[in-house]
C-alpha atoms as a PDB file:
ATOM      1  CA  MET A   1      77.532  64.314  82.933  1.00  0.00           C
ATOM      2  CA  SER A   2      74.631  64.472  85.379  1.00  0.00           C
ATOM      3  CA  ASP A   3      76.945  66.089  87.950  1.00  0.00           C
ATOM      4  CA  LEU A   4      76.790  69.264  85.852  1.00  0.00           C
ATOM      5  CA  MET A   5      73.119  69.543  86.766  1.00  0.00           C
ATOM      6  CA  LYS A   6      73.797  70.064  90.479  1.00  0.00           C
ATOM      7  CA  SER A   7      71.976  73.062  91.884  1.00  0.00           C
ATOM      8  CA  ILE A   8      73.698  76.427  92.041  1.00  0.00           C
ATOM      9  CA  ASP A   9      73.039  76.464  95.786  1.00  0.00           C
ATOM     10  CA  ASP A  10      75.020  73.245  96.204  1.00  0.00           C
ATOM     11  CA  ARG A  11      78.058  74.656  94.424  1.00  0.00           C
ATOM     12  CA  THR A  12      77.898  78.118  95.943  1.00  0.00           C
ATOM     13  CA  ARG A  13      78.351  76.553  99.361  1.00  0.00           C
ATOM     14  CA  LEU A  14      81.983  76.067  98.333  1.00  0.00           C
ATOM     15  CA  ALA A  15      82.492  79.843  98.447  1.00  0.00           C
ATOM     16  CA  GLY A  16      84.658  80.901 101.350  1.00  0.00           C
ATOM     17  CA  THR A  17      85.989  77.368 101.855  1.00  0.00           C
ATOM     18  CA  ASN A  18      88.895  77.849  99.401  1.00  0.00           C
ATOM     19  CA  ARG A  19      87.590  74.967  97.296  1.00  0.00           C
ATOM     20  CA  LEU A  20      86.303  74.619  93.757  1.00  0.00           C
ATOM     21  CA  GLU A  21      84.974  71.994  91.381  1.00  0.00           C
ATOM     22  CA  VAL A  22      86.570  71.515  87.976  1.00  0.00           C
ATOM     23  CA  LEU A  23      85.515  69.565  84.924  1.00  0.00           C
ATOM     24  CA  LEU A  24      88.480  67.589  83.612  1.00  0.00           C
ATOM     25  CA  PHE A  25      89.039  67.315  79.849  1.00  0.00           C
ATOM     26  CA  ASN A  26      91.804  66.551  77.371  1.00  0.00           C
ATOM     27  CA  LEU A  27      92.736  67.842  73.945  1.00  0.00           C
ATOM     28  CA  GLY A  28      94.251  64.665  72.489  1.00  0.00           C
ATOM     29  CA  ARG A  29      97.716  63.154  72.478  1.00  0.00           C
ATOM     30  CA  ASP A  30     100.408  65.583  71.381  1.00  0.00           C
ATOM     31  CA  THR A  31     102.316  63.917  68.526  1.00  0.00           C
ATOM     32  CA  GLU A  32     105.453  65.897  69.358  1.00  0.00           C
ATOM     33  CA  THR A  33     105.666  65.104  73.077  1.00  0.00           C
ATOM     34  CA  GLY A  34     103.564  61.933  73.279  1.00  0.00           C
ATOM     35  CA  ARG A  35     101.698  63.477  76.208  1.00  0.00           C
ATOM     36  CA  ASN A  36      97.965  63.597  76.733  1.00  0.00           C
ATOM     37  CA  GLU A  37      97.602  66.510  79.124  1.00  0.00           C
ATOM     38  CA  LEU A  38      94.666  66.722  81.515  1.00  0.00           C
ATOM     39  CA  PHE A  39      93.095  70.170  81.749  1.00  0.00           C
ATOM     40  CA  GLY A  40      90.504  71.614  84.098  1.00  0.00           C
ATOM     41  CA  ILE A  41      87.818  74.301  83.909  1.00  0.00           C
ATOM     42  CA  ASN A  42      85.629  75.609  86.730  1.00  0.00           C
ATOM     43  CA  VAL A  43      82.270  73.826  86.580  1.00  0.00           C
ATOM     44  CA  PHE A  44      80.536  77.131  87.353  1.00  0.00           C
ATOM     45  CA  LYS A  45      81.506  78.258  83.847  1.00  0.00           C
ATOM     46  CA  VAL A  46      80.265  75.158  82.001  1.00  0.00           C
ATOM     47  CA  ARG A  47      76.661  75.346  80.830  1.00  0.00           C
ATOM     48  CA  GLU A  48      76.520  72.010  79.035  1.00  0.00           C
ATOM     49  CA  VAL A  49      78.582  69.297  77.371  1.00  0.00           C
ATOM     50  CA  MET A  50      77.491  67.677  74.102  1.00  0.00           C
ATOM     51  CA  HIS A  51      78.582  65.813  71.022  1.00  0.00           C
ATOM     52  CA  ILE A  52      79.593  68.236  68.298  1.00  0.00           C
ATOM     53  CA  PRO A  53      76.629  69.553  66.276  1.00  0.00           C
ATOM     54  CA  GLU A  54      76.964  70.906  62.767  1.00  0.00           C
ATOM     55  CA  ILE A  55      79.357  73.847  62.698  1.00  0.00           C
ATOM     56  CA  THR A  56      78.841  76.672  60.219  1.00  0.00           C
ATOM     57  CA  HIS A  57      82.246  77.800  58.997  1.00  0.00           C
ATOM     58  CA  ALA A  58      82.729  81.427  58.095  1.00  0.00           C
ATOM     59  CA  PRO A  59      85.569  83.382  56.463  1.00  0.00           C
ATOM     60  CA  ASP A  60      87.866  85.788  58.299  1.00  0.00           C
ATOM     61  CA  MET A  61      87.537  84.080  61.659  1.00  0.00           C
ATOM     62  CA  PRO A  62      90.330  84.576  64.236  1.00  0.00           C
ATOM     63  CA  ASP A  63      92.863  81.751  64.388  1.00  0.00           C
ATOM     64  CA  GLY A  64      91.454  78.829  66.327  1.00  0.00           C
ATOM     65  CA  VAL A  65      87.802  79.763  65.789  1.00  0.00           C
ATOM     66  CA  GLU A  66      86.083  77.013  63.785  1.00  0.00           C
ATOM     67  CA  GLY A  67      82.814  78.825  63.166  1.00  0.00           C
ATOM     68  CA  ILE A  68      79.433  79.039  64.890  1.00  0.00           C
ATOM     69  CA  VAL A  69      76.700  76.675  66.009  1.00  0.00           C
ATOM     70  CA  SER A  70      73.046  77.371  66.636  1.00  0.00           C
ATOM     71  CA  LEU A  71      71.895  76.300  70.087  1.00  0.00           C
ATOM     72  CA  ARG A  72      68.190  76.799  70.634  1.00  0.00           C
ATOM     73  CA  GLY A  73      68.272  79.794  68.314  1.00  0.00           C
ATOM     74  CA  VAL A  74      71.400  81.373  69.818  1.00  0.00           C
ATOM     75  CA  MET A  75      74.513  81.723  67.650  1.00  0.00           C
ATOM     76  CA  VAL A  76      77.524  80.497  69.612  1.00  0.00           C
ATOM     77  CA  PRO A  77      81.152  80.886  68.426  1.00  0.00           C
ATOM     78  CA  VAL A  78      83.173  77.665  68.525  1.00  0.00           C
ATOM     79  CA  ILE A  79      86.871  77.648  69.443  1.00  0.00           C
ATOM     80  CA  ASN A  80      89.046  74.656  68.562  1.00  0.00           C
ATOM     81  CA  LEU A  81      91.140  74.413  71.738  1.00  0.00           C
ATOM     82  CA  PRO A  82      93.766  71.951  70.417  1.00  0.00           C
ATOM     83  CA  LYS A  83      94.327  74.197  67.404  1.00  0.00           C
ATOM     84  CA  PHE A  84      94.416  77.364  69.483  1.00  0.00           C
ATOM     85  CA  CYS A  85      96.877  75.784  71.928  1.00  0.00           C
ATOM     86  CA  LYS A  86      99.022  74.644  68.970  1.00  0.00           C
ATOM     87  CA  ILE A  87      98.834  71.015  70.049  1.00  0.00           C
ATOM     88  CA  ASN A  88      99.585  68.791  67.058  1.00  0.00           C
ATOM     89  CA  THR A  89      97.390  65.754  67.465  1.00  0.00           C
ATOM     90  CA  ASP A  90      95.903  63.045  65.290  1.00  0.00           C
ATOM     91  CA  ASP A  91      92.901  62.890  67.639  1.00  0.00           C
ATOM     92  CA  LYS A  92      89.891  64.773  66.372  1.00  0.00           C
ATOM     93  CA  PRO A  93      87.729  66.727  68.833  1.00  0.00           C
ATOM     94  CA  GLU A  94      84.597  64.808  69.782  1.00  0.00           C
ATOM     95  CA  ILE A  95      83.022  67.005  72.459  1.00  0.00           C
ATOM     96  CA  LEU A  96      81.728  70.573  72.559  1.00  0.00           C
ATOM     97  CA  MET A  97      81.791  72.310  75.958  1.00  0.00           C
ATOM     98  CA  ILE A  98      79.435  75.298  76.130  1.00  0.00           C
ATOM     99  CA  THR A  99      80.817  77.863  78.555  1.00  0.00           C
ATOM    100  CA  GLU A 100      79.785  81.262  79.859  1.00  0.00           C
ATOM    101  CA  TYR A 101      82.161  84.062  80.845  1.00  0.00           C
ATOM    102  CA  ASN A 102      80.799  87.494  81.755  1.00  0.00           C
ATOM    103  CA  LYS A 103      77.473  86.532  80.166  1.00  0.00           C
ATOM    104  CA  HIS A 104      79.240  85.783  76.864  1.00  0.00           C
ATOM    105  CA  VAL A 105      78.626  82.232  75.651  1.00  0.00           C
ATOM    106  CA  GLN A 106      81.110  80.256  73.550  1.00  0.00           C
ATOM    107  CA  GLY A 107      81.888  76.636  72.756  1.00  0.00           C
ATOM    108  CA  PHE A 108      85.215  74.831  73.165  1.00  0.00           C
ATOM    109  CA  LEU A 109      86.051  71.803  71.043  1.00  0.00           C
ATOM    110  CA  VAL A 110      87.957  69.145  73.021  1.00  0.00           C
ATOM    111  CA  LYS A 111      88.836  65.494  72.532  1.00  0.00           C
ATOM    112  CA  SER A 112      86.940  64.225  75.576  1.00  0.00           C
ATOM    113  CA  VAL A 113      85.735  65.107  79.037  1.00  0.00           C
ATOM    114  CA  ASP A 114      86.523  63.015  82.056  1.00  0.00           C
ATOM    115  CA  THR A 115      84.921  63.739  85.418  1.00  0.00           C
ATOM    116  CA  ILE A 116      84.321  66.467  87.959  1.00  0.00           C
ATOM    117  CA  LYS A 117      86.852  66.848  90.762  1.00  0.00           C
ATOM    118  CA  ARG A 118      86.603  68.891  93.921  1.00  0.00           C
ATOM    119  CA  LEU A 119      89.914  70.635  94.636  1.00  0.00           C
ATOM    120  CA  ASN A 120      91.380  72.750  97.398  1.00  0.00           C
ATOM    121  CA  TRP A 121      92.848  76.015  96.184  1.00  0.00           C
ATOM    122  CA  ASP A 122      95.601  75.426  98.775  1.00  0.00           C
ATOM    123  CA  ASP A 123      96.790  72.547  96.570  1.00  0.00           C
ATOM    124  CA  VAL A 124      96.529  74.494  93.314  1.00  0.00           C
ATOM    125  CA  LYS A 125      99.837  76.196  92.551  1.00  0.00           C
ATOM    126  CA  GLU A 126     101.359  78.460  89.945  1.00  0.00           C
ATOM    127  CA  PRO A 127     102.821  76.308  87.143  1.00  0.00           C
ATOM    128  CA  PRO A 128     106.584  75.779  86.953  1.00  0.00           C
ATOM    129  CA  GLN A 129     108.120  78.182  84.449  1.00  0.00           C
ATOM    130  CA  MET A 130     109.190  75.344  82.149  1.00  0.00           C
ATOM    131  CA  LEU A 131     105.630  74.030  81.947  1.00  0.00           C
ATOM    132  CA  ALA A 132     104.173  77.494  81.476  1.00  0.00           C
ATOM    133  CA  ASN A 133     106.612  78.200  78.641  1.00  0.00           C
ATOM    134  CA  ARG A 134     105.942  74.883  76.923  1.00  0.00           C
ATOM    135  CA  LEU A 135     102.230  75.608  76.750  1.00  0.00           C
ATOM    136  CA  GLY A 136     102.704  79.200  75.669  1.00  0.00           C
ATOM    137  CA  GLY A 137     101.554  80.774  78.919  1.00  0.00           C
ATOM    138  CA  LEU A 138      98.068  79.270  78.565  1.00  0.00           C
ATOM    139  CA  VAL A 139      98.218  77.468  81.911  1.00  0.00           C
ATOM    140  CA  THR A 140      97.442  79.622  84.928  1.00  0.00           C
ATOM    141  CA  ALA A 141      97.691  76.929  87.635  1.00  0.00           C
ATOM    142  CA  VAL A 142      98.492  73.260  88.203  1.00  0.00           C
ATOM    143  CA  THR A 143      97.503  70.651  90.785  1.00  0.00           C
ATOM    144  CA  GLU A 144      98.140  66.969  91.441  1.00  0.00           C
ATOM    145  CA  LEU A 145      95.358  64.396  91.837  1.00  0.00           C
ATOM    146  CA  GLU A 146      95.371  61.400  94.153  1.00  0.00           C
ATOM    147  CA  ASP A 147      96.721  59.162  91.374  1.00  0.00           C
ATOM    148  CA  LYS A 148      99.662  61.597  90.884  1.00  0.00           C
ATOM    149  CA  SER A 149      98.374  62.830  87.523  1.00  0.00           C
ATOM    150  CA  LEU A 150      98.641  66.572  86.916  1.00  0.00           C
ATOM    151  CA  VAL A 151      95.699  68.815  86.092  1.00  0.00           C
ATOM    152  CA  LEU A 152      96.460  72.034  84.213  1.00  0.00           C
ATOM    153  CA  ILE A 153      94.058  74.914  84.832  1.00  0.00           C
ATOM    154  CA  MET A 154      93.800  76.785  81.547  1.00  0.00           C
ATOM    155  CA  ASP A 155      93.786  80.565  81.321  1.00  0.00           C
ATOM    156  CA  VAL A 156      90.509  80.662  79.422  1.00  0.00           C
ATOM    157  CA  GLU A 157      90.403  84.437  79.707  1.00  0.00           C
ATOM    158  CA  ARG A 158      93.516  84.632  77.563  1.00  0.00           C
ATOM    159  CA  VAL A 159      91.923  82.307  74.991  1.00  0.00           C
ATOM    160  CA  LEU A 160      88.892  84.578  74.802  1.00  0.00           C
ATOM    161  CA  ALA A 161      91.012  87.731  74.706  1.00  0.00           C
ATOM    162  CA  GLU A 162      92.820  86.441  71.619  1.00  0.00           C
ATOM    163  CA  THR A 163      89.752  85.120  69.810  1.00  0.00           C
ATOM    164  CA  ALA A 164      87.043  87.645  70.719  1.00  0.00           C
ATOM    165  CA  GLU A 165      87.493  91.324  69.868  1.00  0.00           C
ATOM    166  CA  PHE A 166      85.341  92.528  72.757  1.00  0.00           C
ATOM    167  CA  TYR A 167      87.963  91.232  75.205  1.00  0.00           C
ATOM    168  CA  ASN A 168      90.920  92.980  73.650  1.00  0.00           C
ATOM    169  CA  SER A 169      90.162  96.351  72.135  1.00  0.00           C
ATOM    170  CA  ASP A 170      91.484  99.866  72.751  1.00  0.00           C
ATOM    171  CA  GLU A 171      87.886 101.059  72.495  1.00  0.00           C
ATOM    172  CA  LEU A 172      87.216  99.420  75.868  1.00  0.00           C
ATOM    173  CA  PHE A 173      89.129 102.250  77.565  1.00  0.00           C
ATOM    174  CA  GLU A 174      87.499 105.169  75.741  1.00  0.00           C
ATOM    175  CA  GLY A 175      85.864 107.552  78.191  1.00  0.00           C
ATOM    176  CA  ILE A 176      88.101 106.652  81.160  1.00  0.00           C
ATOM    177  CA  GLU A 177      89.600 109.854  82.537  1.00  0.00           C
ATOM    178  CA  LYS A 178      92.424 110.615  84.931  1.00  0.00           C
ATOM    179  CA  HIS A 179      91.376 111.006  88.529  1.00  0.00           C
ATOM    180  CA  GLU A 180      92.293 114.392  89.973  1.00  0.00           C
ATOM    181  CA  ASP A 181      93.703 112.743  93.110  1.00  0.00           C
ATOM    182  CA  GLY A 182      95.123 109.710  91.313  1.00  0.00           C
ATOM    183  CA  LYS A 183      98.729 110.137  92.446  1.00  0.00           C
ATOM    184  CA  ASN A 184      97.629 109.834  96.083  1.00  0.00           C
ATOM    185  CA  ILE A 185      95.771 106.568  95.570  1.00  0.00           C
ATOM    186  CA  THR A 186      97.382 103.119  95.478  1.00  0.00           C
ATOM    187  CA  ILE A 187      95.414 100.071  94.433  1.00  0.00           C
ATOM    188  CA  LEU A 188      96.503  96.492  95.022  1.00  0.00           C
ATOM    189  CA  PHE A 189      95.037  93.906  92.665  1.00  0.00           C
ATOM    190  CA  ALA A 190      95.198  90.125  92.530  1.00  0.00           C
ATOM    191  CA  ASP A 191      94.534  87.949  89.482  1.00  0.00           C
ATOM    192  CA  ASP A 192      96.149  84.760  88.181  1.00  0.00           C
ATOM    193  CA  SER A 193      95.350  85.553  84.534  1.00  0.00           C
ATOM    194  CA  ARG A 194      98.050  87.537  82.762  1.00  0.00           C
ATOM    195  CA  ILE A 195      95.566  89.050  80.319  1.00  0.00           C
ATOM    196  CA  ALA A 196      93.237  90.114  83.147  1.00  0.00           C
ATOM    197  CA  ARG A 197      96.112  91.687  85.094  1.00  0.00           C
ATOM    198  CA  GLN A 198      97.108  93.619  81.992  1.00  0.00           C
ATOM    199  CA  GLN A 199      93.617  95.006  81.519  1.00  0.00           C
ATOM    200  CA  ILE A 200      93.324  96.048  85.171  1.00  0.00           C
ATOM    201  CA  GLN A 201      96.731  97.699  84.904  1.00  0.00           C
ATOM    202  CA  ASP A 202      95.708  99.562  81.734  1.00  0.00           C
ATOM    203  CA  THR A 203      92.531 100.790  83.439  1.00  0.00           C
ATOM    204  CA  LEU A 204      94.462 102.073  86.458  1.00  0.00           C
ATOM    205  CA  LYS A 205      97.033 103.753  84.218  1.00  0.00           C
ATOM    206  CA  HIS A 206      94.254 105.595  82.391  1.00  0.00           C
ATOM    207  CA  MET A 207      93.010 106.815  85.791  1.00  0.00           C
ATOM    208  CA  ASP A 208      96.530 107.825  86.879  1.00  0.00           C
ATOM    209  CA  PHE A 209      96.517 105.575  89.974  1.00  0.00           C
ATOM    210  CA  ASN A 210      99.486 103.902  91.599  1.00  0.00           C
ATOM    211  CA  TYR A 211      99.118 100.128  91.690  1.00  0.00           C
ATOM    212  CA  ILE A 212     100.616  96.902  93.014  1.00  0.00           C
ATOM    213  CA  SER A 213     100.057  93.738  90.977  1.00  0.00           C
ATOM    214  CA  THR A 214      99.890  90.265  92.542  1.00  0.00           C
ATOM    215  CA  ASN A 215      99.281  86.865  90.949  1.00  0.00           C
ATOM    216  CA  ASN A 216      96.971  85.252  93.502  1.00  0.00           C
ATOM    217  CA  GLY A 217      95.176  85.737  96.798  1.00  0.00           C
ATOM    218  CA  ALA A 218      98.000  84.335  98.912  1.00  0.00           C
ATOM    219  CA  GLU A 219     100.512  86.782  97.432  1.00  0.00           C
ATOM    220  CA  ALA A 220      98.080  89.661  97.905  1.00  0.00           C
ATOM    221  CA  TRP A 221      97.439  88.650 101.520  1.00  0.00           C
ATOM    222  CA  ASP A 222     101.186  88.504 102.244  1.00  0.00           C
ATOM    223  CA  LYS A 223     101.668  92.028 100.888  1.00  0.00           C
ATOM    224  CA  LEU A 224      98.668  93.401 102.771  1.00  0.00           C
ATOM    225  CA  THR A 225      99.809  91.963 106.090  1.00  0.00           C
ATOM    226  CA  GLN A 226     103.312  93.311 105.485  1.00  0.00           C
ATOM    227  CA  PHE A 227     101.892  96.802 104.918  1.00  0.00           C
ATOM    228  CA  ALA A 228      99.684  96.430 107.999  1.00  0.00           C
ATOM    229  CA  ASP A 229     102.709  95.453 110.087  1.00  0.00           C
ATOM    230  CA  GLN A 230     104.655  98.450 108.788  1.00  0.00           C
ATOM    231  CA  ALA A 231     101.801 100.840 109.492  1.00  0.00           C
ATOM    232  CA  GLU A 232     101.379  99.429 112.976  1.00  0.00           C
ATOM    233  CA  ALA A 233     105.100  99.685 113.723  1.00  0.00           C
ATOM    234  CA  ASN A 234     105.233 103.284 112.508  1.00  0.00           C
ATOM    235  CA  GLY A 235     102.009 104.357 114.157  1.00  0.00           C
ATOM    236  CA  GLY A 236     100.523 105.145 110.762  1.00  0.00           C
ATOM    237  CA  SER A 237      97.480 104.054 108.828  1.00  0.00           C
ATOM    238  CA  ILE A 238      97.170 101.246 106.286  1.00  0.00           C
ATOM    239  CA  SER A 239      95.518 103.819 104.002  1.00  0.00           C
ATOM    240  CA  ASN A 240      98.951 105.402 103.569  1.00  0.00           C
ATOM    241  CA  HIS A 241      99.977 102.215 101.759  1.00  0.00           C
ATOM    242  CA  ILE A 242      96.818 100.770 100.139  1.00  0.00           C
ATOM    243  CA  SER A 243      93.605 102.591  99.231  1.00  0.00           C
ATOM    244  CA  ILE A 244      91.558  99.851  97.525  1.00  0.00           C
ATOM    245  CA  VAL A 245      91.911  96.126  96.769  1.00  0.00           C
ATOM    246  CA  ILE A 246      90.679  94.536  93.531  1.00  0.00           C
ATOM    247  CA  THR A 247      90.529  90.754  93.592  1.00  0.00           C
ATOM    248  CA  ASP A 248      89.669  87.967  91.201  1.00  0.00           C
ATOM    249  CA  VAL A 249      87.598  85.083  92.594  1.00  0.00           C
ATOM    250  CA  GLU A 250      89.394  82.029  91.157  1.00  0.00           C
ATOM    251  CA  MET A 251      93.075  81.993  92.090  1.00  0.00           C
ATOM    252  CA  PRO A 252      95.667  79.413  93.166  1.00  0.00           C
ATOM    253  CA  GLU A 253      96.490  78.979  96.863  1.00  0.00           C
ATOM    254  CA  MET A 254      93.882  81.458  98.118  1.00  0.00           C
ATOM    255  CA  ASP A 255      90.735  82.454  96.255  1.00  0.00           C
ATOM    256  CA  GLY A 256      89.099  85.868  96.298  1.00  0.00           C
ATOM    257  CA  TYR A 257      86.374  84.892  98.757  1.00  0.00           C
ATOM    258  CA  VAL A 258      88.916  83.879 101.385  1.00  0.00           C
ATOM    259  CA  LEU A 259      91.118  86.901 100.670  1.00  0.00           C
ATOM    260  CA  THR A 260      88.153  89.247 101.105  1.00  0.00           C
ATOM    261  CA  ARG A 261      87.019  87.521 104.283  1.00  0.00           C
ATOM    262  CA  ASN A 262      90.558  87.757 105.680  1.00  0.00           C
ATOM    263  CA  ILE A 263      90.763  91.471 104.889  1.00  0.00           C
ATOM    264  CA  LYS A 264      87.412  92.242 106.486  1.00  0.00           C
ATOM    265  CA  GLY A 265      88.285  90.087 109.500  1.00  0.00           C
ATOM    266  CA  ASP A 266      91.543  91.893 110.256  1.00  0.00           C
ATOM    267  CA  PRO A 267      90.963  95.049 112.360  1.00  0.00           C
ATOM    268  CA  ARG A 268      93.960  96.705 110.659  1.00  0.00           C
ATOM    269  CA  LEU A 269      92.619  96.094 107.138  1.00  0.00           C
ATOM    270  CA  LYS A 270      88.845  95.950 107.454  1.00  0.00           C
ATOM    271  CA  ASN A 271      88.274  99.516 106.269  1.00  0.00           C
ATOM    272  CA  ILE A 272      89.998  98.943 102.923  1.00  0.00           C
ATOM    273  CA  PRO A 273      87.298  98.766 100.228  1.00  0.00           C
ATOM    274  CA  VAL A 274      87.399  95.483  98.287  1.00  0.00           C
ATOM    275  CA  ILE A 275      86.160  95.140  94.706  1.00  0.00           C
ATOM    276  CA  MET A 276      85.598  91.613  93.428  1.00  0.00           C
ATOM    277  CA  HIS A 277      86.461  91.450  89.729  1.00  0.00           C
ATOM    278  CA  SER A 278      85.449  88.159  88.147  1.00  0.00           C
ATOM    279  CA  SER A 279      84.172  86.383  85.047  1.00  0.00           C
ATOM    280  CA  LEU A 280      81.792  84.572  87.429  1.00  0.00           C
ATOM    281  CA  SER A 281      79.250  87.354  87.116  1.00  0.00           C
ATOM    282  CA  SER A 282      75.940  85.691  88.005  1.00  0.00           C
ATOM    283  CA  GLU A 283      73.702  87.143  90.709  1.00  0.00           C
ATOM    284  CA  ALA A 284      74.531  84.148  92.905  1.00  0.00           C
ATOM    285  CA  ASN A 285      78.264  84.864  92.695  1.00  0.00           C
ATOM    286  CA  GLN A 286      77.717  88.555  93.367  1.00  0.00           C
ATOM    287  CA  ALA A 287      75.671  87.697  96.444  1.00  0.00           C
ATOM    288  CA  LEU A 288      78.485  85.431  97.638  1.00  0.00           C
ATOM    289  CA  GLY A 289      80.979  88.257  97.219  1.00  0.00           C
ATOM    290  CA  LYS A 290      78.823  90.615  99.256  1.00  0.00           C
ATOM    291  CA  GLY A 291      78.387  87.835 101.823  1.00  0.00           C
ATOM    292  CA  VAL A 292      82.121  87.707 102.579  1.00  0.00           C
ATOM    293  CA  GLY A 293      82.357  91.496 102.786  1.00  0.00           C
ATOM    294  CA  ALA A 294      83.096  92.749  99.259  1.00  0.00           C
ATOM    295  CA  ASP A 295      82.151  96.393  98.792  1.00  0.00           C
ATOM    296  CA  ALA A 296      81.467  95.962  95.060  1.00  0.00           C
ATOM    297  CA  TYR A 297      81.401  93.253  92.395  1.00  0.00           C
ATOM    298  CA  VAL A 298      82.432  94.065  88.822  1.00  0.00           C
ATOM    299  CA  PRO A 299      82.513  91.698  85.827  1.00  0.00           C
ATOM    300  CA  LYS A 300      85.851  91.247  84.117  1.00  0.00           C
ATOM    301  CA  PHE A 301      86.702  92.917  80.815  1.00  0.00           C
ATOM    302  CA  GLU A 302      84.452  95.892  81.536  1.00  0.00           C
ATOM    303  CA  PRO A 303      87.016  98.680  82.140  1.00  0.00           C
ATOM    304  CA  LEU A 304      84.395 101.451  82.090  1.00  0.00           C
ATOM    305  CA  GLU A 305      82.399  99.740  84.820  1.00  0.00           C
ATOM    306  CA  LEU A 306      85.540  99.105  86.856  1.00  0.00           C
ATOM    307  CA  ALA A 307      86.552 102.778  86.497  1.00  0.00           C
ATOM    308  CA  SER A 308      83.069 103.941  87.482  1.00  0.00           C
ATOM    309  CA  THR A 309      83.087 101.666  90.546  1.00  0.00           C
ATOM    310  CA  LEU A 310      86.512 102.954  91.600  1.00  0.00           C
ATOM    311  CA  ASN A 311      85.357 106.562  91.269  1.00  0.00           C
ATOM    312  CA  ASN A 312      82.236 105.818  93.305  1.00  0.00           C
ATOM    313  CA  ILE A 313      84.204 104.162  96.105  1.00  0.00           C
ATOM    314  CA  ILE A 314      86.732 106.998  96.206  1.00  0.00           C
ATOM    315  CA  GLU A 315      83.943 109.569  96.410  1.00  0.00           C
ATOM    316  CA  ASN A 316      81.898 107.780  99.045  1.00  0.00           C
ATOM    317  CA  GLN A 317      84.255 105.631 101.105  1.00  0.00           C
ATOM    318  CA  LEU A 318      87.726 107.193 101.122  1.00  0.00           C
END
């Protein structure tokens, strides 16, 4: 897996090109369907891949969490992905993928890893409803490789939300207050993860804002251009329709970098503040967001920080 050791600079050059690199892996052959699905995860989120070390099992773990491992003195929770995804398989996990989301590190047990593929977000689509239902809503996108095999992009944020308390707690919203001018502010947000959309929505509800939810950058861009056309036809301002845009980075069809660049490149939309909201929270990713015109960059699953950023933008830019 030497490809995982590529420099950050090499991979960050993909930003703004609507491309990404994914590490392909599988969870074993499903004894009920006979299928051996191929999944993908953004390489940016994979810290290392290894054979499974000794796992310390502990009582009262959430379903799907096997225990913890010690990696260079750091205790890392281990999630059994086949078990969590309710895939009945006779194949035992053989590989541990160490991943990082929002500076939280966790391991995923999988049957095997395959290779790294460079994909175009244009070719990554929302999954058909039948496929999404069969896998319990855990697939956020799907794409087809050159050999016609399908790659399922897993909604890892949902996995973490259901196995880690810090991703799914009412306490996350404590201290968020209604905005005095909330009813006059409409925020459009784009995210392909259902659990992330729900948390953004809950944050905006606490602040008493109006909101429009979209599932990816392409859908958000369509709505924004429609509003811009309406405003132009009526001689009004886009601010009468949309006050702020919140966008994820990784999304099917159009990623957040391209969406932000499009917004800032359109004279009708360029004054709309854009907040990038992503689990890719490294300094390099934040710099990339600022490079395409984002006004702020907020890590996911930090409602207080998102609320504070919204208040700051409203006070200083609207």
